[in-house]
């Protein structure tokens, strides 16, 4: 007498459909904590900041919601030079960091061999020092009696009388480039490290010169890192105010300095909120056009 084999349980179509619906709900349920976090800590403060930008009054008499759109208009009238200067410094710092950072990332990815990790650590060492102290160090480096100024006077890049770097736009730009260079190098390095070396070997087998292989293979495949690096550099550089405050002069102020002054010195919260929202929207619009113009399939899709 043979033992009977249990028949598999019969699952009704309704049960199968309900199980499929539950599986489809799981990703959305997992997203809920993150969405709640973003809503409470980002969306709600942005709405409050936008509402504050439409208020009028002062700290003594209080603020009242009056649809004061003039706070936003002032950004393009009263503070237009600071807005344009912020964008100019941001673009300039991004271009310089790209010109300096791409060769550095390329060298670390392709030429350092077993010393690769050491160079990455050296690149990240400045992050162990507070941002404020790193910027203050540049005041010593670019001081009028410092070795940099003396060397530039010796080779004729600065005039002997009155030649200086500190409290100039060049000092501000140098501070921005130094502060955000690692943000450019690391994404490019990651993109270069992901490139399959056999593709470069195949380009060589097809009689491609090193320069042609770079522009046809390496550069296109590293574009995601380039775009990420430029965004990570340009966005914080546009809102920076420490570099101008410590290395520049009152004629070199950026929008970040105006916002700080409105919030902490003038105590004009509506104007500060309107400037902050406008600067953020300008950056978002610029980023959207930039990504759509030079964006790669990996970033756009």
Protein backbone atom coordinates (compact mmCIF):
# COMPACT_ATOMS: atom_id res chain seq x y z
CA UNK A 1 0.00 0.00 0.00
CA UNK A 2 1.62 3.22 -1.13
CA UNK A 3 1.52 6.46 0.86
CA UNK A 4 -0.68 9.12 -0.64
CA UNK A 5 0.84 12.40 -1.87
CA UNK A 6 -0.84 15.53 -0.55
CA UNK A 7 -2.34 17.65 -3.26
CA UNK A 8 -1.09 21.26 -3.52
CA UNK A 9 -3.42 23.85 -2.04
CA UNK A 10 -5.78 25.45 -4.48
CA UNK A 11 -5.45 29.22 -4.67
CA UNK A 12 -8.43 31.09 -5.97
CA UNK A 13 -7.97 33.84 -8.58
CA UNK A 14 -9.26 36.37 -6.05
CA UNK A 15 -6.51 35.40 -3.58
CA UNK A 16 -3.84 35.66 -6.23
CA UNK A 17 -5.02 39.13 -7.24
CA UNK A 18 -5.08 40.33 -3.62
CA UNK A 19 -1.55 39.04 -3.04
CA UNK A 20 -0.35 40.86 -6.16
CA UNK A 21 -1.97 44.08 -4.94
CA UNK A 22 -0.24 43.74 -1.58
CA UNK A 23 3.12 43.25 -3.29
CA UNK A 24 2.54 46.35 -5.40
CA UNK A 25 1.77 48.39 -2.28
CA UNK A 26 5.00 47.43 -0.51
CA UNK A 27 7.32 49.89 -2.37
CA UNK A 28 4.94 52.77 -1.70
CA UNK A 29 4.71 51.87 1.98
CA UNK A 30 8.50 51.81 2.20
CA UNK A 31 8.59 55.29 0.66
CA UNK A 32 6.21 56.77 3.22
CA UNK A 33 8.79 57.49 5.98
CA UNK A 34 11.11 59.23 3.52
CA UNK A 35 8.27 61.22 1.95
CA UNK A 36 7.04 62.26 5.39
CA UNK A 37 10.57 63.36 6.31
CA UNK A 38 10.89 65.44 3.14
CA UNK A 39 7.45 66.95 3.58
CA UNK A 40 7.96 67.98 7.20
CA UNK A 41 11.55 69.22 6.93
CA UNK A 42 11.59 70.58 3.35
CA UNK A 43 8.16 71.28 1.89
CA UNK A 44 6.62 72.83 5.01
CA UNK A 45 9.61 75.15 5.67
CA UNK A 46 9.65 76.21 2.00
CA UNK A 47 5.96 77.08 2.14
CA UNK A 48 6.52 79.01 5.37
CA UNK A 49 9.50 80.82 3.81
CA UNK A 50 7.48 81.73 0.72
CA UNK A 51 4.62 83.00 2.91
CA UNK A 52 7.09 85.05 4.94
CA UNK A 53 8.38 86.63 1.73
CA UNK A 54 4.89 88.04 1.11
CA UNK A 55 4.67 89.72 4.52
CA UNK A 56 5.37 93.30 5.54
CA UNK A 57 6.22 94.97 8.84
CA UNK A 58 9.14 94.80 11.23
CA UNK A 59 10.30 92.90 14.28
CA UNK A 60 8.92 95.49 16.72
CA UNK A 61 5.40 95.94 15.36
CA UNK A 62 5.19 92.41 13.98
CA UNK A 63 4.76 91.00 10.50
CA UNK A 64 1.51 90.79 8.59
CA UNK A 65 0.65 88.80 5.47
CA UNK A 66 -0.12 91.49 2.86
CA UNK A 67 0.89 89.88 -0.45
CA UNK A 68 3.98 92.10 -0.50
CA UNK A 69 5.31 91.09 -3.93
CA UNK A 70 7.70 94.03 -3.86
CA UNK A 71 10.03 91.88 -1.71
CA UNK A 72 10.51 89.62 -4.73
CA UNK A 73 10.75 92.51 -7.20
CA UNK A 74 13.64 93.99 -5.22
CA UNK A 75 15.74 90.94 -6.02
CA UNK A 76 15.86 91.97 -9.69
CA UNK A 77 16.09 95.72 -9.05
CA UNK A 78 17.96 96.53 -5.84
CA UNK A 79 20.01 93.33 -5.65
CA UNK A 80 20.52 92.54 -9.31
CA UNK A 81 24.32 93.16 -9.16
CA UNK A 82 24.67 90.70 -6.28
CA UNK A 83 22.53 88.13 -8.11
CA UNK A 84 24.60 88.39 -11.28
CA UNK A 85 27.81 88.31 -9.28
CA UNK A 86 26.69 85.14 -7.50
CA UNK A 87 25.97 83.43 -10.81
CA UNK A 88 29.28 84.66 -12.27
CA UNK A 89 31.31 83.40 -9.32
CA UNK A 90 29.42 80.09 -9.37
CA UNK A 91 30.05 79.49 -13.07
CA UNK A 92 33.69 80.63 -12.87
CA UNK A 93 34.45 78.44 -9.87
CA UNK A 94 32.75 75.47 -11.55
CA UNK A 95 34.75 75.86 -14.77
CA UNK A 96 38.05 76.20 -12.91
CA UNK A 97 37.36 73.23 -10.64
CA UNK A 98 36.46 71.15 -13.70
CA UNK A 99 39.71 72.11 -15.44
CA UNK A 100 41.68 71.24 -12.31
CA UNK A 101 39.59 68.33 -11.09
CA UNK A 102 39.21 66.26 -14.24
CA UNK A 103 42.96 65.71 -14.79
CA UNK A 104 43.35 64.95 -11.09
CA UNK A 105 40.50 62.42 -11.11
CA UNK A 106 41.86 60.90 -14.32
CA UNK A 107 45.33 60.53 -12.83
CA UNK A 108 43.98 58.90 -9.66
CA UNK A 109 41.76 56.50 -11.62
CA UNK A 110 44.25 55.46 -14.33
CA UNK A 111 47.79 56.29 -13.21
CA UNK A 112 48.23 55.87 -9.46
CA UNK A 113 47.99 52.08 -9.30
CA UNK A 114 48.27 50.71 -5.77
CA UNK A 115 48.63 54.28 -4.40
CA UNK A 116 45.06 55.10 -5.43
CA UNK A 117 43.59 54.91 -1.93
CA UNK A 118 46.34 57.12 -0.54
CA UNK A 119 45.59 59.88 -3.06
CA UNK A 120 41.88 59.65 -2.28
CA UNK A 121 42.60 60.03 1.43
CA UNK A 122 44.81 63.04 0.74
CA UNK A 123 42.00 64.54 -1.31
CA UNK A 124 39.57 64.13 1.58
CA UNK A 125 41.91 65.30 4.36
CA UNK A 126 40.80 68.97 4.11
CA UNK A 127 37.26 67.87 5.04
CA UNK A 128 38.63 66.98 8.48
CA UNK A 129 39.25 70.69 9.07
CA UNK A 130 36.24 73.00 9.62
CA UNK A 131 35.24 75.03 6.57
CA UNK A 132 35.72 78.30 8.44
CA UNK A 133 39.30 77.47 9.43
CA UNK A 134 40.17 76.44 5.88
CA UNK A 135 38.89 79.76 4.58
CA UNK A 136 40.74 81.68 7.27
CA UNK A 137 43.94 79.91 6.24
CA UNK A 138 43.62 81.52 2.83
CA UNK A 139 43.80 84.95 4.48
CA UNK A 140 47.31 84.03 5.62
CA UNK A 141 48.26 82.51 2.26
CA UNK A 142 47.05 85.54 0.26
CA UNK A 143 48.15 88.20 2.76
CA UNK A 144 49.85 91.29 1.35
CA UNK A 145 53.14 90.26 2.95
CA UNK A 146 52.73 86.57 2.17
CA UNK A 147 54.93 84.48 -0.08
CA UNK A 148 52.28 84.15 -2.81
CA UNK A 149 51.97 87.90 -3.32
CA UNK A 150 55.74 88.36 -3.10
CA UNK A 151 56.31 85.64 -5.69
CA UNK A 152 53.74 87.13 -8.07
CA UNK A 153 55.36 90.55 -7.70
CA UNK A 154 58.76 89.03 -8.45
CA UNK A 155 57.62 87.49 -11.73
CA UNK A 156 55.62 90.60 -12.68
CA UNK A 157 52.06 89.27 -12.30
CA UNK A 158 51.34 91.92 -9.66
CA UNK A 159 52.59 95.54 -9.54
CA UNK A 160 55.16 96.35 -6.90
CA UNK A 161 53.08 99.21 -5.53
CA UNK A 162 49.56 98.44 -4.44
CA UNK A 163 49.52 94.91 -5.82
CA UNK A 164 47.48 92.57 -3.68
CA UNK A 165 45.26 89.48 -3.82
CA UNK A 166 43.41 89.61 -0.52
CA UNK A 167 40.10 91.51 -0.54
CA UNK A 168 39.73 91.04 -4.30
CA UNK A 169 37.53 88.94 -6.53
CA UNK A 170 40.47 86.66 -7.29
CA UNK A 171 40.79 85.77 -3.62
CA UNK A 172 37.08 84.95 -3.44
CA UNK A 173 37.37 82.77 -6.53
CA UNK A 174 40.42 80.99 -5.12
CA UNK A 175 38.55 80.27 -1.90
CA UNK A 176 35.56 78.86 -3.78
CA UNK A 177 37.72 76.65 -5.99
CA UNK A 178 39.68 75.30 -3.03
CA UNK A 179 36.54 74.62 -0.99
CA UNK A 180 34.61 72.79 -3.70
CA UNK A 181 37.37 71.02 -5.64
CA UNK A 182 36.77 67.63 -3.92
CA UNK A 183 33.08 67.85 -4.85
CA UNK A 184 34.19 67.91 -8.48
CA UNK A 185 36.93 65.31 -8.29
CA UNK A 186 35.08 62.52 -6.47
CA UNK A 187 32.09 62.09 -8.85
CA UNK A 188 34.40 62.21 -11.87
CA UNK A 189 36.71 59.66 -10.27
CA UNK A 190 33.77 57.31 -9.62
CA UNK A 191 32.63 57.62 -13.25
CA UNK A 192 36.15 57.00 -14.56
CA UNK A 193 36.65 54.03 -12.25
CA UNK A 194 33.51 52.38 -13.68
CA UNK A 195 34.84 52.49 -17.26
CA UNK A 196 35.65 49.05 -18.65
CA UNK A 197 39.36 49.12 -19.53
CA UNK A 198 38.76 46.65 -22.35
CA UNK A 199 36.96 49.42 -24.24
CA UNK A 200 40.15 51.48 -24.27
CA UNK A 201 42.11 48.43 -25.37
CA UNK A 202 39.62 47.86 -28.17
CA UNK A 203 40.05 51.47 -29.26
CA UNK A 204 43.80 50.92 -29.43
CA UNK A 205 43.33 47.72 -31.43
CA UNK A 206 41.33 49.78 -33.93
CA UNK A 207 44.36 52.07 -34.40
CA UNK A 208 42.86 54.88 -32.35
CA UNK A 209 45.30 57.43 -30.95
CA UNK A 210 45.23 58.08 -27.17
CA UNK A 211 43.59 61.46 -27.70
CA UNK A 212 40.93 60.00 -30.00
CA UNK A 213 40.25 57.18 -27.54
CA UNK A 214 39.84 59.73 -24.79
CA UNK A 215 37.32 61.89 -26.67
CA UNK A 216 35.44 58.94 -28.18
CA UNK A 217 35.41 56.58 -25.18
CA UNK A 218 36.60 58.05 -21.89
CA UNK A 219 34.98 61.48 -22.06
CA UNK A 220 31.45 60.33 -23.04
CA UNK A 221 31.47 57.60 -20.40
CA UNK A 222 32.64 60.05 -17.72
CA UNK A 223 29.93 62.62 -18.47
CA UNK A 224 27.65 61.46 -15.62
CA UNK A 225 30.46 62.23 -13.18
CA UNK A 226 31.19 65.56 -14.86
CA UNK A 227 27.55 66.63 -14.64
CA UNK A 228 27.25 65.50 -11.02
CA UNK A 229 30.47 67.30 -10.11
CA UNK A 230 29.46 70.54 -11.78
CA UNK A 231 26.11 70.51 -9.99
CA UNK A 232 27.70 69.73 -6.62
CA UNK A 233 30.07 72.68 -7.17
CA UNK A 234 27.83 75.29 -8.80
CA UNK A 235 24.85 75.02 -6.44
CA UNK A 236 26.65 75.60 -3.10
CA UNK A 237 29.04 78.13 -4.68
CA UNK A 238 26.10 80.31 -5.75
CA UNK A 239 24.91 80.60 -2.15
CA UNK A 240 28.32 80.87 -0.47
CA UNK A 241 28.96 83.93 1.68
CA UNK A 242 31.91 82.92 3.91
CA UNK A 243 34.47 83.27 1.12
CA UNK A 244 33.35 86.81 0.28
CA UNK A 245 33.12 87.80 3.93
CA UNK A 246 36.63 86.61 4.79
CA UNK A 247 38.51 86.96 1.49
CA UNK A 248 36.62 89.65 -0.41
CA UNK A 249 35.42 93.20 0.15
CA UNK A 250 32.02 94.95 0.31
CA UNK A 251 32.10 95.47 -3.45
CA UNK A 252 32.25 91.71 -4.02
CA UNK A 253 29.18 90.70 -2.03
CA UNK A 254 27.02 87.84 -3.27
CA UNK A 255 23.40 86.93 -2.62
CA UNK A 256 24.42 84.81 0.35
CA UNK A 257 25.88 87.90 2.03
CA UNK A 258 22.70 89.87 1.35
CA UNK A 259 20.56 87.10 2.87
CA UNK A 260 22.80 86.86 5.93
CA UNK A 261 22.69 90.63 6.39
CA UNK A 262 18.90 90.73 6.06
CA UNK A 263 18.38 87.91 8.53
CA UNK A 264 20.99 88.79 11.18
CA UNK A 265 21.76 92.51 10.91
CA UNK A 266 18.84 94.37 9.33
CA UNK A 267 16.29 91.90 10.77
CA UNK A 268 14.17 92.15 7.63
CA UNK A 269 12.81 88.63 7.51
CA UNK A 270 10.33 89.09 4.61
CA UNK A 271 13.02 90.50 2.31
CA UNK A 272 15.48 87.77 3.34
CA UNK A 273 12.86 85.09 2.70
CA UNK A 274 11.99 86.52 -0.72
CA UNK A 275 15.66 86.68 -1.72
CA UNK A 276 16.23 83.10 -0.54
CA UNK A 277 13.25 81.74 -2.48
CA UNK A 278 14.20 83.66 -5.63
CA UNK A 279 17.82 82.47 -5.51
CA UNK A 280 16.67 78.89 -4.99
CA UNK A 281 14.25 79.07 -7.94
CA UNK A 282 16.94 80.62 -10.15
CA UNK A 283 19.32 77.77 -9.29
CA UNK A 284 16.64 75.12 -9.89
CA UNK A 285 15.74 76.58 -13.30
CA UNK A 286 19.42 76.81 -14.28
CA UNK A 287 20.00 73.21 -13.19
CA UNK A 288 17.01 71.95 -15.21
CA UNK A 289 18.20 73.67 -18.39
CA UNK A 290 21.77 72.53 -17.80
CA UNK A 291 20.85 68.88 -17.30
CA UNK A 292 18.54 68.88 -20.33
CA UNK A 293 21.28 70.50 -22.43
CA UNK A 294 24.27 68.35 -21.47
CA UNK A 295 22.54 65.66 -19.44
CA UNK A 296 23.31 62.04 -20.16
CA UNK A 297 20.79 59.26 -20.47
CA UNK A 298 21.78 57.97 -17.04
CA UNK A 299 20.84 61.24 -15.36
CA UNK A 300 17.82 62.33 -17.39
CA UNK A 301 15.88 59.06 -17.54
